[in-house]
Amino acid sequence: MRRLWAAAALEAQKKQEWIDRSAGEPMVISTSPEVPPIDHRAFMELQHEPYRAYASVFLRGHKLADRAVAETFDILWLRWDEALSSPDAVRFAWSVLRYSVMMRTPHVDGCPSFGASAFDTVALAQARTHEARFSQYEESSAVFKAMSRLPDQQLDVMVLRHLLGMDPSAVADVLGVPIASVRSDERHARHVLESVLVTESNPEGNAP
């Protein structure tokens, strides 16, 4: 814990003298920290790619996404025994990642704002004309805004499934939930988003 605190202080550009004074004793920050337990390292190797992909959807700067993921694994190292003794270590770990990402994500009316990701949709990339791209961007922006209002797990499922292209079993493995739960969350979320698209395409409420 002291090592992580000191490392965070250095990242915040605190001087070594300030760290020593605050800690009450000299603290040498090693560039080669103690090695985490092997099961923690195996977990980190397994989850690093999906964790970083998820973080990058909300945190457009690579450094911010990397920092959120690195912080997640540091906290998990610190709380590894707690994670292993929890009902599901994978789900415990996801909650740590999600907190780290959302803490850095801008929010509007209490909902995470990630509309910039609308520029990265496949549909927008495939649009052939300026008018088609503009129309697709408007549609994508409306969907992303609606997604931001989904319950947490539904939002995470939709991000992993449809923005990152993961299959249901992979999503279940990352979130630490049953695959049936992934499919149920996706079904409910799609119903909400389809309603938004219908409203966007027919704002006057007329029959299509």
N, C-alpha and C. Protein backbone atom coordinates (compact mmCIF):
# COMPACT_ATOMS: atom_id res chain seq x y z
N MET A 1 0.84 -1.20 0.00
CA MET A 1 0.00 0.00 0.00
C MET A 1 0.87 1.25 0.00
N ARG A 2 1.93 1.21 0.82
CA ARG A 2 2.82 2.37 0.87
C ARG A 2 3.52 2.58 -0.47
N ARG A 3 3.90 1.47 -1.13
CA ARG A 3 4.55 1.59 -2.44
C ARG A 3 3.62 2.24 -3.45
N LEU A 4 2.35 1.80 -3.47
CA LEU A 4 1.39 2.35 -4.41
C LEU A 4 1.11 3.83 -4.13
N TRP A 5 1.03 4.16 -2.82
CA TRP A 5 0.80 5.57 -2.45
C TRP A 5 1.97 6.43 -2.91
N ALA A 6 3.17 5.95 -2.68
CA ALA A 6 4.36 6.72 -3.07
C ALA A 6 4.45 6.85 -4.58
N ALA A 7 4.13 5.78 -5.29
CA ALA A 7 4.17 5.84 -6.76
C ALA A 7 3.14 6.84 -7.28
N ALA A 8 1.95 6.87 -6.65
CA ALA A 8 0.92 7.83 -7.05
C ALA A 8 1.38 9.26 -6.76
N ALA A 9 2.07 9.45 -5.66
CA ALA A 9 2.57 10.79 -5.32
C ALA A 9 3.59 11.26 -6.35
N LEU A 10 4.46 10.35 -6.77
CA LEU A 10 5.43 10.72 -7.81
C LEU A 10 4.73 11.06 -9.11
N GLU A 11 3.68 10.29 -9.45
CA GLU A 11 2.93 10.57 -10.68
C GLU A 11 2.27 11.94 -10.60
N ALA A 12 1.88 12.34 -9.38
CA ALA A 12 1.28 13.66 -9.18
C ALA A 12 2.34 14.76 -9.07
N GLN A 13 3.61 14.39 -9.37
CA GLN A 13 4.73 15.33 -9.42
C GLN A 13 5.12 15.87 -8.04
N LYS A 14 4.89 15.06 -7.00
CA LYS A 14 5.39 15.42 -5.67
C LYS A 14 6.88 15.08 -5.60
N LYS A 15 7.63 15.90 -4.89
CA LYS A 15 9.06 15.68 -4.79
C LYS A 15 9.36 14.56 -3.78
N GLN A 16 10.51 13.91 -3.94
CA GLN A 16 10.90 12.83 -3.05
C GLN A 16 10.95 13.31 -1.60
N GLU A 17 11.41 14.55 -1.37
CA GLU A 17 11.47 15.09 -0.01
C GLU A 17 10.09 15.17 0.62
N TRP A 18 9.08 15.57 -0.19
CA TRP A 18 7.71 15.66 0.32
C TRP A 18 7.19 14.27 0.68
N ILE A 19 7.50 13.29 -0.16
CA ILE A 19 7.05 11.92 0.10
C ILE A 19 7.67 11.39 1.38
N ASP A 20 8.99 11.61 1.55
CA ASP A 20 9.67 11.14 2.76
C ASP A 20 9.09 11.80 4.00
N ARG A 21 8.83 13.13 3.91
CA ARG A 21 8.30 13.86 5.05
C ARG A 21 6.89 13.39 5.40
N SER A 22 6.06 13.16 4.38
CA SER A 22 4.69 12.72 4.62
C SER A 22 4.64 11.30 5.19
N ALA A 23 5.56 10.47 4.73
CA ALA A 23 5.59 9.08 5.20
C ALA A 23 6.24 8.95 6.56
N GLY A 24 7.01 9.97 6.97
CA GLY A 24 7.67 9.91 8.26
C GLY A 24 9.00 9.20 8.22
N GLU A 25 9.40 8.73 7.03
CA GLU A 25 10.69 8.06 6.88
C GLU A 25 11.03 8.02 5.40
N PRO A 26 12.31 7.84 5.07
CA PRO A 26 12.69 7.76 3.65
C PRO A 26 12.01 6.59 2.96
N MET A 27 11.52 6.85 1.76
CA MET A 27 10.89 5.79 0.97
C MET A 27 11.51 5.79 -0.41
N VAL A 28 12.26 4.76 -0.70
CA VAL A 28 12.89 4.63 -2.00
C VAL A 28 11.92 3.95 -2.94
N ILE A 29 11.61 4.60 -4.05
CA ILE A 29 10.68 4.04 -5.02
C ILE A 29 11.48 3.27 -6.05
N SER A 30 11.34 1.98 -6.02
CA SER A 30 12.09 1.13 -6.94
C SER A 30 11.43 1.12 -8.30
N THR A 31 12.27 1.12 -9.34
CA THR A 31 11.72 0.97 -10.68
C THR A 31 11.44 -0.49 -11.00
N SER A 32 11.85 -1.38 -10.13
CA SER A 32 11.58 -2.81 -10.29
C SER A 32 10.83 -3.31 -9.06
N PRO A 33 9.51 -3.05 -9.00
CA PRO A 33 8.73 -3.40 -7.81
C PRO A 33 8.67 -4.90 -7.62
N GLU A 34 8.27 -5.30 -6.41
CA GLU A 34 8.08 -6.71 -6.12
C GLU A 34 7.14 -7.31 -7.15
N VAL A 35 7.36 -8.57 -7.44
CA VAL A 35 6.56 -9.25 -8.46
C VAL A 35 5.24 -9.71 -7.85
N PRO A 36 4.11 -9.41 -8.49
CA PRO A 36 2.82 -9.88 -7.98
C PRO A 36 2.76 -11.41 -8.01
N PRO A 37 1.83 -12.00 -7.27
CA PRO A 37 1.70 -13.46 -7.31
C PRO A 37 1.38 -13.96 -8.71
N ILE A 38 1.75 -15.20 -8.97
CA ILE A 38 1.65 -15.72 -10.33
C ILE A 38 0.22 -15.75 -10.83
N ASP A 39 -0.76 -16.03 -9.95
CA ASP A 39 -2.15 -16.05 -10.41
C ASP A 39 -2.64 -14.65 -10.77
N HIS A 40 -2.14 -13.64 -10.07
CA HIS A 40 -2.47 -12.25 -10.42
C HIS A 40 -1.88 -11.90 -11.78
N ARG A 41 -0.64 -12.30 -12.02
CA ARG A 41 0.00 -12.02 -13.30
C ARG A 41 -0.73 -12.73 -14.45
N ALA A 42 -1.15 -13.98 -14.19
CA ALA A 42 -1.90 -14.71 -15.22
C ALA A 42 -3.22 -14.01 -15.53
N PHE A 43 -3.89 -13.55 -14.48
CA PHE A 43 -5.15 -12.84 -14.66
C PHE A 43 -4.93 -11.55 -15.45
N MET A 44 -3.87 -10.84 -15.13
CA MET A 44 -3.56 -9.58 -15.81
C MET A 44 -3.31 -9.81 -17.30
N GLU A 45 -2.56 -10.86 -17.63
CA GLU A 45 -2.28 -11.16 -19.03
C GLU A 45 -3.57 -11.52 -19.78
N LEU A 46 -4.47 -12.22 -19.09
CA LEU A 46 -5.72 -12.65 -19.72
C LEU A 46 -6.66 -11.48 -19.97
N GLN A 47 -6.73 -10.55 -19.03
CA GLN A 47 -7.75 -9.50 -19.09
C GLN A 47 -7.23 -8.15 -19.58
N HIS A 48 -5.94 -8.00 -19.76
CA HIS A 48 -5.42 -6.69 -20.11
C HIS A 48 -6.02 -6.15 -21.41
N GLU A 49 -6.07 -6.98 -22.45
CA GLU A 49 -6.56 -6.49 -23.74
C GLU A 49 -8.03 -6.06 -23.69
N PRO A 50 -8.96 -6.90 -23.18
CA PRO A 50 -10.35 -6.42 -23.11
C PRO A 50 -10.53 -5.24 -22.16
N TYR A 51 -9.78 -5.21 -21.07
CA TYR A 51 -9.88 -4.09 -20.14
C TYR A 51 -9.46 -2.79 -20.83
N ARG A 52 -8.36 -2.84 -21.56
CA ARG A 52 -7.88 -1.63 -22.21
C ARG A 52 -8.83 -1.20 -23.33
N ALA A 53 -9.38 -2.17 -24.06
CA ALA A 53 -10.33 -1.84 -25.12
C ALA A 53 -11.55 -1.15 -24.54
N TYR A 54 -12.07 -1.68 -23.43
CA TYR A 54 -13.23 -1.07 -22.77
C TYR A 54 -12.89 0.35 -22.30
N ALA A 55 -11.74 0.50 -21.65
CA ALA A 55 -11.35 1.82 -21.15
C ALA A 55 -11.22 2.82 -22.30
N SER A 56 -10.74 2.36 -23.45
CA SER A 56 -10.51 3.27 -24.58
C SER A 56 -11.81 3.79 -25.19
N VAL A 57 -12.91 3.06 -25.01
CA VAL A 57 -14.21 3.55 -25.50
C VAL A 57 -14.61 4.82 -24.76
N PHE A 58 -14.34 4.88 -23.47
CA PHE A 58 -14.75 6.01 -22.65
C PHE A 58 -13.65 7.07 -22.51
N LEU A 59 -12.41 6.63 -22.52
CA LEU A 59 -11.27 7.53 -22.32
C LEU A 59 -10.50 7.60 -23.63
N ARG A 60 -10.72 8.67 -24.38
CA ARG A 60 -10.20 8.72 -25.74
C ARG A 60 -8.68 8.85 -25.79
N GLY A 61 -8.07 9.39 -24.75
CA GLY A 61 -6.61 9.47 -24.74
C GLY A 61 -6.01 8.14 -24.31
N HIS A 62 -5.03 7.65 -25.06
CA HIS A 62 -4.41 6.36 -24.73
C HIS A 62 -3.80 6.38 -23.33
N LYS A 63 -3.20 7.50 -22.94
CA LYS A 63 -2.57 7.56 -21.63
C LYS A 63 -3.60 7.40 -20.51
N LEU A 64 -4.76 8.02 -20.67
CA LEU A 64 -5.81 7.90 -19.66
C LEU A 64 -6.30 6.45 -19.55
N ALA A 65 -6.51 5.82 -20.69
CA ALA A 65 -6.97 4.43 -20.69
C ALA A 65 -5.92 3.53 -20.05
N ASP A 66 -4.66 3.73 -20.42
CA ASP A 66 -3.58 2.92 -19.85
C ASP A 66 -3.48 3.13 -18.34
N ARG A 67 -3.65 4.37 -17.92
CA ARG A 67 -3.56 4.67 -16.48
C ARG A 67 -4.69 4.00 -15.71
N ALA A 68 -5.89 4.03 -16.27
CA ALA A 68 -7.03 3.40 -15.60
C ALA A 68 -6.81 1.90 -15.46
N VAL A 69 -6.29 1.27 -16.51
CA VAL A 69 -6.05 -0.18 -16.47
C VAL A 69 -4.91 -0.50 -15.51
N ALA A 70 -3.84 0.26 -15.57
CA ALA A 70 -2.72 0.02 -14.66
C ALA A 70 -3.14 0.19 -13.21
N GLU A 71 -3.94 1.21 -12.93
CA GLU A 71 -4.45 1.43 -11.58
C GLU A 71 -5.29 0.24 -11.13
N THR A 72 -6.12 -0.29 -12.05
CA THR A 72 -6.96 -1.43 -11.73
C THR A 72 -6.12 -2.61 -11.27
N PHE A 73 -5.07 -2.94 -12.01
CA PHE A 73 -4.25 -4.09 -11.66
C PHE A 73 -3.43 -3.84 -10.40
N ASP A 74 -3.04 -2.58 -10.15
CA ASP A 74 -2.35 -2.27 -8.90
C ASP A 74 -3.28 -2.48 -7.70
N ILE A 75 -4.51 -1.99 -7.83
CA ILE A 75 -5.48 -2.15 -6.74
C ILE A 75 -5.79 -3.63 -6.53
N LEU A 76 -5.91 -4.36 -7.62
CA LEU A 76 -6.17 -5.79 -7.49
C LEU A 76 -5.01 -6.51 -6.81
N TRP A 77 -3.79 -6.09 -7.11
CA TRP A 77 -2.63 -6.66 -6.43
C TRP A 77 -2.73 -6.41 -4.93
N LEU A 78 -3.08 -5.17 -4.59
CA LEU A 78 -3.22 -4.80 -3.19
C LEU A 78 -4.35 -5.59 -2.51
N ARG A 79 -5.41 -5.87 -3.25
CA ARG A 79 -6.60 -6.52 -2.67
C ARG A 79 -6.78 -7.95 -3.21
N TRP A 80 -5.70 -8.57 -3.63
CA TRP A 80 -5.81 -9.86 -4.31
C TRP A 80 -6.43 -10.93 -3.43
N ASP A 81 -6.05 -10.99 -2.16
CA ASP A 81 -6.65 -11.98 -1.25
C ASP A 81 -8.15 -11.74 -1.11
N GLU A 82 -8.54 -10.46 -1.06
CA GLU A 82 -9.96 -10.13 -0.97
C GLU A 82 -10.70 -10.54 -2.24
N ALA A 83 -10.06 -10.32 -3.39
CA ALA A 83 -10.68 -10.71 -4.66
C ALA A 83 -10.88 -12.22 -4.72
N LEU A 84 -9.88 -12.98 -4.31
CA LEU A 84 -9.96 -14.44 -4.37
C LEU A 84 -10.98 -15.00 -3.39
N SER A 85 -11.20 -14.31 -2.28
CA SER A 85 -12.17 -14.79 -1.29
C SER A 85 -13.59 -14.29 -1.57
N SER A 86 -13.74 -13.44 -2.59
CA SER A 86 -15.08 -12.93 -2.94
C SER A 86 -15.86 -14.03 -3.67
N PRO A 87 -17.18 -13.88 -3.82
CA PRO A 87 -17.96 -14.90 -4.53
C PRO A 87 -17.48 -15.14 -5.95
N ASP A 88 -16.95 -14.11 -6.63
CA ASP A 88 -16.43 -14.27 -7.98
C ASP A 88 -15.33 -13.26 -8.21
N ALA A 89 -14.09 -13.75 -8.32
CA ALA A 89 -12.93 -12.85 -8.45
C ALA A 89 -12.98 -12.05 -9.74
N VAL A 90 -13.52 -12.66 -10.82
CA VAL A 90 -13.59 -11.95 -12.10
C VAL A 90 -14.54 -10.77 -12.00
N ARG A 91 -15.68 -11.01 -11.37
CA ARG A 91 -16.65 -9.92 -11.21
C ARG A 91 -16.10 -8.84 -10.28
N PHE A 92 -15.41 -9.25 -9.23
CA PHE A 92 -14.77 -8.30 -8.32
C PHE A 92 -13.80 -7.41 -9.10
N ALA A 93 -12.98 -8.04 -9.95
CA ALA A 93 -11.99 -7.29 -10.72
C ALA A 93 -12.67 -6.32 -11.68
N TRP A 94 -13.77 -6.75 -12.31
CA TRP A 94 -14.47 -5.86 -13.25
C TRP A 94 -15.00 -4.63 -12.53
N SER A 95 -15.48 -4.80 -11.31
CA SER A 95 -16.00 -3.65 -10.57
C SER A 95 -14.90 -2.64 -10.29
N VAL A 96 -13.68 -3.13 -10.07
CA VAL A 96 -12.54 -2.23 -9.84
C VAL A 96 -12.20 -1.48 -11.13
N LEU A 97 -12.16 -2.21 -12.24
CA LEU A 97 -11.89 -1.55 -13.53
C LEU A 97 -12.95 -0.51 -13.84
N ARG A 98 -14.20 -0.89 -13.68
CA ARG A 98 -15.30 0.03 -14.05
C ARG A 98 -15.23 1.31 -13.23
N TYR A 99 -14.93 1.18 -11.95
CA TYR A 99 -14.82 2.37 -11.10
C TYR A 99 -13.68 3.25 -11.59
N SER A 100 -12.54 2.63 -11.91
CA SER A 100 -11.37 3.39 -12.36
C SER A 100 -11.66 4.12 -13.66
N VAL A 101 -12.39 3.48 -14.58
CA VAL A 101 -12.72 4.09 -15.86
C VAL A 101 -13.75 5.21 -15.68
N MET A 102 -14.82 4.91 -14.95
CA MET A 102 -15.90 5.90 -14.80
C MET A 102 -15.46 7.11 -14.00
N MET A 103 -14.51 6.92 -13.10
CA MET A 103 -14.01 8.06 -12.32
C MET A 103 -13.33 9.08 -13.22
N ARG A 104 -12.79 8.62 -14.35
CA ARG A 104 -12.09 9.50 -15.28
C ARG A 104 -12.96 9.93 -16.46
N THR A 105 -14.14 9.36 -16.59
CA THR A 105 -15.01 9.63 -17.73
C THR A 105 -15.89 10.85 -17.47
N PRO A 106 -15.95 11.80 -18.39
CA PRO A 106 -16.89 12.92 -18.22
C PRO A 106 -18.33 12.40 -18.15
N HIS A 107 -19.13 13.03 -17.31
CA HIS A 107 -20.53 12.63 -17.17
C HIS A 107 -21.44 13.82 -17.47
N VAL A 108 -22.58 13.53 -18.06
CA VAL A 108 -23.62 14.53 -18.32
C VAL A 108 -24.91 14.03 -17.69
N ASP A 109 -25.45 14.82 -16.77
CA ASP A 109 -26.67 14.41 -16.04
C ASP A 109 -26.50 13.04 -15.39
N GLY A 110 -25.30 12.78 -14.88
CA GLY A 110 -25.05 11.54 -14.18
C GLY A 110 -24.78 10.34 -15.06
N CYS A 111 -24.73 10.54 -16.38
CA CYS A 111 -24.50 9.44 -17.32
C CYS A 111 -23.15 9.63 -18.00
N PRO A 112 -22.41 8.53 -18.22
CA PRO A 112 -21.10 8.66 -18.87
C PRO A 112 -21.22 9.19 -20.29
N SER A 113 -20.37 10.13 -20.64
CA SER A 113 -20.40 10.73 -21.97
C SER A 113 -19.29 10.12 -22.81
N PHE A 114 -19.68 9.40 -23.86
CA PHE A 114 -18.67 8.80 -24.73
C PHE A 114 -19.09 8.93 -26.19
N GLY A 115 -19.75 10.04 -26.50
CA GLY A 115 -20.24 10.27 -27.86
C GLY A 115 -19.14 10.34 -28.90
N ALA A 116 -17.91 10.69 -28.48
CA ALA A 116 -16.82 10.75 -29.46
C ALA A 116 -16.57 9.40 -30.10
N SER A 117 -16.95 8.32 -29.42
CA SER A 117 -16.78 6.98 -29.99
C SER A 117 -17.68 6.75 -31.19
N ALA A 118 -18.68 7.61 -31.35
CA ALA A 118 -19.57 7.49 -32.52
C ALA A 118 -18.79 7.67 -33.82
N PHE A 119 -17.65 8.38 -33.75
CA PHE A 119 -16.83 8.56 -34.95
C PHE A 119 -16.16 7.26 -35.39
N ASP A 120 -16.11 6.27 -34.48
CA ASP A 120 -15.38 5.04 -34.77
C ASP A 120 -16.28 3.89 -35.21
N THR A 121 -17.56 4.14 -35.40
CA THR A 121 -18.46 3.05 -35.75
C THR A 121 -18.19 2.54 -37.16
N VAL A 122 -18.42 1.25 -37.36
CA VAL A 122 -18.24 0.63 -38.67
C VAL A 122 -19.18 1.26 -39.69
N ALA A 123 -20.43 1.51 -39.26
CA ALA A 123 -21.42 2.07 -40.18
C ALA A 123 -20.96 3.43 -40.71
N LEU A 124 -20.36 4.24 -39.85
CA LEU A 124 -19.90 5.56 -40.28
C LEU A 124 -18.73 5.41 -41.27
N ALA A 125 -17.86 4.47 -41.00
CA ALA A 125 -16.71 4.25 -41.89
C ALA A 125 -17.16 3.78 -43.28
N GLN A 126 -18.30 3.08 -43.34
CA GLN A 126 -18.78 2.55 -44.61
C GLN A 126 -19.65 3.52 -45.39
N ALA A 127 -20.02 4.64 -44.76
CA ALA A 127 -20.85 5.63 -45.46
C ALA A 127 -20.07 6.24 -46.62
N ARG A 128 -20.71 6.33 -47.80
CA ARG A 128 -20.00 6.72 -49.03
C ARG A 128 -19.99 8.22 -49.30
N THR A 129 -21.02 8.92 -48.86
CA THR A 129 -21.13 10.34 -49.17
C THR A 129 -21.11 11.17 -47.90
N HIS A 130 -20.88 12.48 -48.07
CA HIS A 130 -20.88 13.38 -46.92
C HIS A 130 -22.24 13.36 -46.23
N GLU A 131 -23.32 13.38 -47.01
CA GLU A 131 -24.66 13.37 -46.44
C GLU A 131 -24.91 12.09 -45.67
N ALA A 132 -24.47 10.97 -46.25
CA ALA A 132 -24.66 9.68 -45.58
C ALA A 132 -23.87 9.62 -44.28
N ARG A 133 -22.64 10.16 -44.29
CA ARG A 133 -21.83 10.16 -43.08
C ARG A 133 -22.45 11.03 -41.99
N PHE A 134 -22.96 12.19 -42.40
CA PHE A 134 -23.58 13.08 -41.41
C PHE A 134 -24.82 12.42 -40.80
N SER A 135 -25.64 11.81 -41.66
CA SER A 135 -26.84 11.13 -41.17
C SER A 135 -26.48 9.98 -40.24
N GLN A 136 -25.45 9.22 -40.62
CA GLN A 136 -25.03 8.08 -39.79
C GLN A 136 -24.46 8.56 -38.46
N TYR A 137 -23.73 9.67 -38.49
CA TYR A 137 -23.18 10.20 -37.24
C TYR A 137 -24.30 10.64 -36.30
N GLU A 138 -25.33 11.30 -36.85
CA GLU A 138 -26.46 11.72 -36.03
C GLU A 138 -27.13 10.51 -35.40
N GLU A 139 -27.32 9.46 -36.20
CA GLU A 139 -27.95 8.25 -35.68
C GLU A 139 -27.08 7.60 -34.61
N SER A 140 -25.77 7.51 -34.86
CA SER A 140 -24.86 6.90 -33.90
C SER A 140 -24.82 7.71 -32.60
N SER A 141 -24.83 9.03 -32.72
CA SER A 141 -24.80 9.88 -31.53
C SER A 141 -26.04 9.66 -30.67
N ALA A 142 -27.21 9.52 -31.34
CA ALA A 142 -28.45 9.28 -30.60
C ALA A 142 -28.40 7.94 -29.87
N VAL A 143 -27.85 6.93 -30.54
CA VAL A 143 -27.75 5.61 -29.92
C VAL A 143 -26.79 5.64 -28.74
N PHE A 144 -25.64 6.32 -28.91
CA PHE A 144 -24.66 6.38 -27.83
C PHE A 144 -25.23 7.12 -26.63
N LYS A 145 -26.00 8.17 -26.89
CA LYS A 145 -26.61 8.90 -25.79
C LYS A 145 -27.59 8.02 -25.05
N ALA A 146 -28.37 7.22 -25.79
CA ALA A 146 -29.31 6.30 -25.16
C ALA A 146 -28.56 5.21 -24.41
N MET A 147 -27.47 4.73 -24.97
CA MET A 147 -26.66 3.70 -24.30
C MET A 147 -26.16 4.20 -22.96
N SER A 148 -25.77 5.47 -22.90
CA SER A 148 -25.21 6.00 -21.66
C SER A 148 -26.20 5.96 -20.51
N ARG A 149 -27.50 5.87 -20.85
CA ARG A 149 -28.54 5.87 -19.82
C ARG A 149 -28.96 4.46 -19.41
N LEU A 150 -28.38 3.46 -20.05
CA LEU A 150 -28.71 2.08 -19.70
C LEU A 150 -28.18 1.74 -18.31
N PRO A 151 -28.79 0.75 -17.64
CA PRO A 151 -28.19 0.25 -16.39
C PRO A 151 -26.75 -0.21 -16.65
N ASP A 152 -25.94 -0.18 -15.62
CA ASP A 152 -24.51 -0.41 -15.77
C ASP A 152 -24.18 -1.67 -16.55
N GLN A 153 -24.76 -2.80 -16.15
CA GLN A 153 -24.37 -4.05 -16.80
C GLN A 153 -24.86 -4.10 -18.24
N GLN A 154 -26.04 -3.55 -18.52
CA GLN A 154 -26.52 -3.51 -19.90
C GLN A 154 -25.59 -2.66 -20.76
N LEU A 155 -25.15 -1.53 -20.22
CA LEU A 155 -24.22 -0.68 -20.95
C LEU A 155 -22.92 -1.44 -21.24
N ASP A 156 -22.39 -2.11 -20.23
CA ASP A 156 -21.13 -2.83 -20.41
C ASP A 156 -21.28 -3.95 -21.45
N VAL A 157 -22.39 -4.65 -21.40
CA VAL A 157 -22.62 -5.71 -22.38
C VAL A 157 -22.67 -5.14 -23.79
N MET A 158 -23.36 -4.03 -23.98
CA MET A 158 -23.47 -3.45 -25.32
C MET A 158 -22.13 -2.91 -25.81
N VAL A 159 -21.35 -2.34 -24.93
CA VAL A 159 -20.02 -1.85 -25.32
C VAL A 159 -19.14 -3.02 -25.76
N LEU A 160 -19.12 -4.08 -24.95
CA LEU A 160 -18.26 -5.22 -25.26
C LEU A 160 -18.76 -5.99 -26.48
N ARG A 161 -20.06 -6.12 -26.60
CA ARG A 161 -20.63 -6.90 -27.71
C ARG A 161 -20.57 -6.14 -29.03
N HIS A 162 -21.05 -4.89 -29.02
CA HIS A 162 -21.31 -4.21 -30.29
C HIS A 162 -20.29 -3.14 -30.65
N LEU A 163 -19.59 -2.61 -29.68
CA LEU A 163 -18.53 -1.66 -30.02
C LEU A 163 -17.18 -2.35 -30.13
N LEU A 164 -17.00 -3.43 -29.37
CA LEU A 164 -15.72 -4.14 -29.38
C LEU A 164 -15.80 -5.49 -30.07
N GLY A 165 -17.02 -5.91 -30.45
CA GLY A 165 -17.18 -7.11 -31.26
C GLY A 165 -16.92 -8.42 -30.57
N MET A 166 -17.07 -8.48 -29.25
CA MET A 166 -16.84 -9.72 -28.52
C MET A 166 -18.07 -10.61 -28.59
N ASP A 167 -17.86 -11.93 -28.61
CA ASP A 167 -19.00 -12.83 -28.63
C ASP A 167 -19.54 -12.99 -27.20
N PRO A 168 -20.78 -13.48 -27.04
CA PRO A 168 -21.40 -13.55 -25.70
C PRO A 168 -20.59 -14.31 -24.67
N SER A 169 -19.96 -15.41 -25.07
CA SER A 169 -19.19 -16.19 -24.09
C SER A 169 -17.97 -15.40 -23.61
N ALA A 170 -17.33 -14.66 -24.51
CA ALA A 170 -16.18 -13.85 -24.13
C ALA A 170 -16.61 -12.72 -23.19
N VAL A 171 -17.76 -12.11 -23.47
CA VAL A 171 -18.29 -11.06 -22.60
C VAL A 171 -18.56 -11.62 -21.21
N ALA A 172 -19.17 -12.80 -21.16
CA ALA A 172 -19.46 -13.43 -19.87
C ALA A 172 -18.17 -13.68 -19.09
N ASP A 173 -17.13 -14.10 -19.79
CA ASP A 173 -15.85 -14.37 -19.13
C ASP A 173 -15.21 -13.10 -18.59
N VAL A 174 -15.36 -11.99 -19.30
CA VAL A 174 -14.76 -10.73 -18.86
C VAL A 174 -15.54 -10.12 -17.69
N LEU A 175 -16.87 -10.18 -17.77
CA LEU A 175 -17.70 -9.58 -16.72
C LEU A 175 -17.85 -10.46 -15.49
N GLY A 176 -17.62 -11.76 -15.66
CA GLY A 176 -17.82 -12.67 -14.55
C GLY A 176 -19.28 -12.94 -14.26
N VAL A 177 -20.09 -13.03 -15.33
CA VAL A 177 -21.53 -13.30 -15.19
C VAL A 177 -21.90 -14.47 -16.10
N PRO A 178 -23.04 -15.13 -15.85
CA PRO A 178 -23.47 -16.22 -16.73
C PRO A 178 -23.78 -15.72 -18.14
N ILE A 179 -23.58 -16.57 -19.12
CA ILE A 179 -23.84 -16.18 -20.50
C ILE A 179 -25.32 -15.85 -20.70
N ALA A 180 -26.19 -16.52 -19.94
CA ALA A 180 -27.63 -16.22 -20.03
C ALA A 180 -27.90 -14.77 -19.61
N SER A 181 -27.15 -14.29 -18.63
CA SER A 181 -27.30 -12.91 -18.18
C SER A 181 -26.86 -11.93 -19.27
N VAL A 182 -25.78 -12.27 -19.97
CA VAL A 182 -25.31 -11.43 -21.08
C VAL A 182 -26.38 -11.32 -22.15
N ARG A 183 -26.96 -12.45 -22.53
CA ARG A 183 -27.99 -12.44 -23.59
C ARG A 183 -29.23 -11.69 -23.15
N SER A 184 -29.62 -11.83 -21.89
CA SER A 184 -30.78 -11.10 -21.38
C SER A 184 -30.53 -9.60 -21.36
N ASP A 185 -29.36 -9.19 -20.89
CA ASP A 185 -29.01 -7.76 -20.86
C ASP A 185 -28.98 -7.19 -22.27
N GLU A 186 -28.41 -7.95 -23.20
CA GLU A 186 -28.34 -7.47 -24.58
C GLU A 186 -29.74 -7.32 -25.18
N ARG A 187 -30.60 -8.28 -24.91
CA ARG A 187 -31.96 -8.23 -25.45
C ARG A 187 -32.71 -7.00 -24.94
N HIS A 188 -32.63 -6.74 -23.64
CA HIS A 188 -33.33 -5.59 -23.08
C HIS A 188 -32.73 -4.27 -23.59
N ALA A 189 -31.41 -4.23 -23.68
CA ALA A 189 -30.76 -3.00 -24.16
C ALA A 189 -31.12 -2.72 -25.62
N ARG A 190 -31.12 -3.76 -26.44
CA ARG A 190 -31.46 -3.57 -27.85
C ARG A 190 -32.88 -3.04 -28.01
N HIS A 191 -33.79 -3.51 -27.16
CA HIS A 191 -35.18 -3.03 -27.22
C HIS A 191 -35.23 -1.52 -26.96
N VAL A 192 -34.46 -1.08 -25.95
CA VAL A 192 -34.42 0.35 -25.63
C VAL A 192 -33.83 1.14 -26.79
N LEU A 193 -32.72 0.66 -27.35
CA LEU A 193 -32.04 1.41 -28.41
C LEU A 193 -32.85 1.42 -29.70
N GLU A 194 -33.54 0.33 -30.00
CA GLU A 194 -34.40 0.31 -31.18
C GLU A 194 -35.54 1.31 -31.05
N SER A 195 -36.05 1.47 -29.83
CA SER A 195 -37.10 2.47 -29.60
C SER A 195 -36.58 3.87 -29.85
N VAL A 196 -35.32 4.11 -29.46
CA VAL A 196 -34.70 5.41 -29.69
C VAL A 196 -34.57 5.69 -31.18
N LEU A 197 -34.14 4.69 -31.94
CA LEU A 197 -33.98 4.86 -33.38
C LEU A 197 -35.31 5.14 -34.06
N VAL A 198 -36.35 4.47 -33.63
CA VAL A 198 -37.68 4.70 -34.20
C VAL A 198 -38.11 6.14 -33.93
N THR A 199 -37.87 6.60 -32.70
CA THR A 199 -38.23 7.98 -32.33
C THR A 199 -37.42 8.99 -33.13
N GLU A 200 -36.12 8.72 -33.30
CA GLU A 200 -35.26 9.64 -34.05
C GLU A 200 -35.68 9.74 -35.52
N SER A 201 -36.08 8.62 -36.07
CA SER A 201 -36.44 8.61 -37.49
C SER A 201 -37.86 9.12 -37.73
N ASN A 202 -38.64 9.19 -36.65
CA ASN A 202 -40.02 9.62 -36.81
C ASN A 202 -40.41 10.52 -35.63
N PRO A 203 -39.76 11.69 -35.51
CA PRO A 203 -39.94 12.55 -34.35
C PRO A 203 -41.36 13.06 -34.15
N GLU A 204 -42.16 13.11 -35.20
CA GLU A 204 -43.52 13.62 -35.07
C GLU A 204 -44.49 12.57 -34.53
N GLY A 205 -43.99 11.33 -34.43
CA GLY A 205 -44.85 10.27 -33.90
C GLY A 205 -45.80 9.72 -34.92
N ASN A 206 -45.61 10.04 -36.20
CA ASN A 206 -46.49 9.50 -37.23
C ASN A 206 -46.16 8.05 -37.53
N ALA A 207 -47.07 7.35 -38.04
CA ALA A 207 -46.83 5.95 -38.39
C ALA A 207 -45.84 5.92 -39.54
N PRO A 208 -44.82 5.01 -39.47
CA PRO A 208 -43.84 4.96 -40.54
C PRO A 208 -44.44 4.50 -41.82
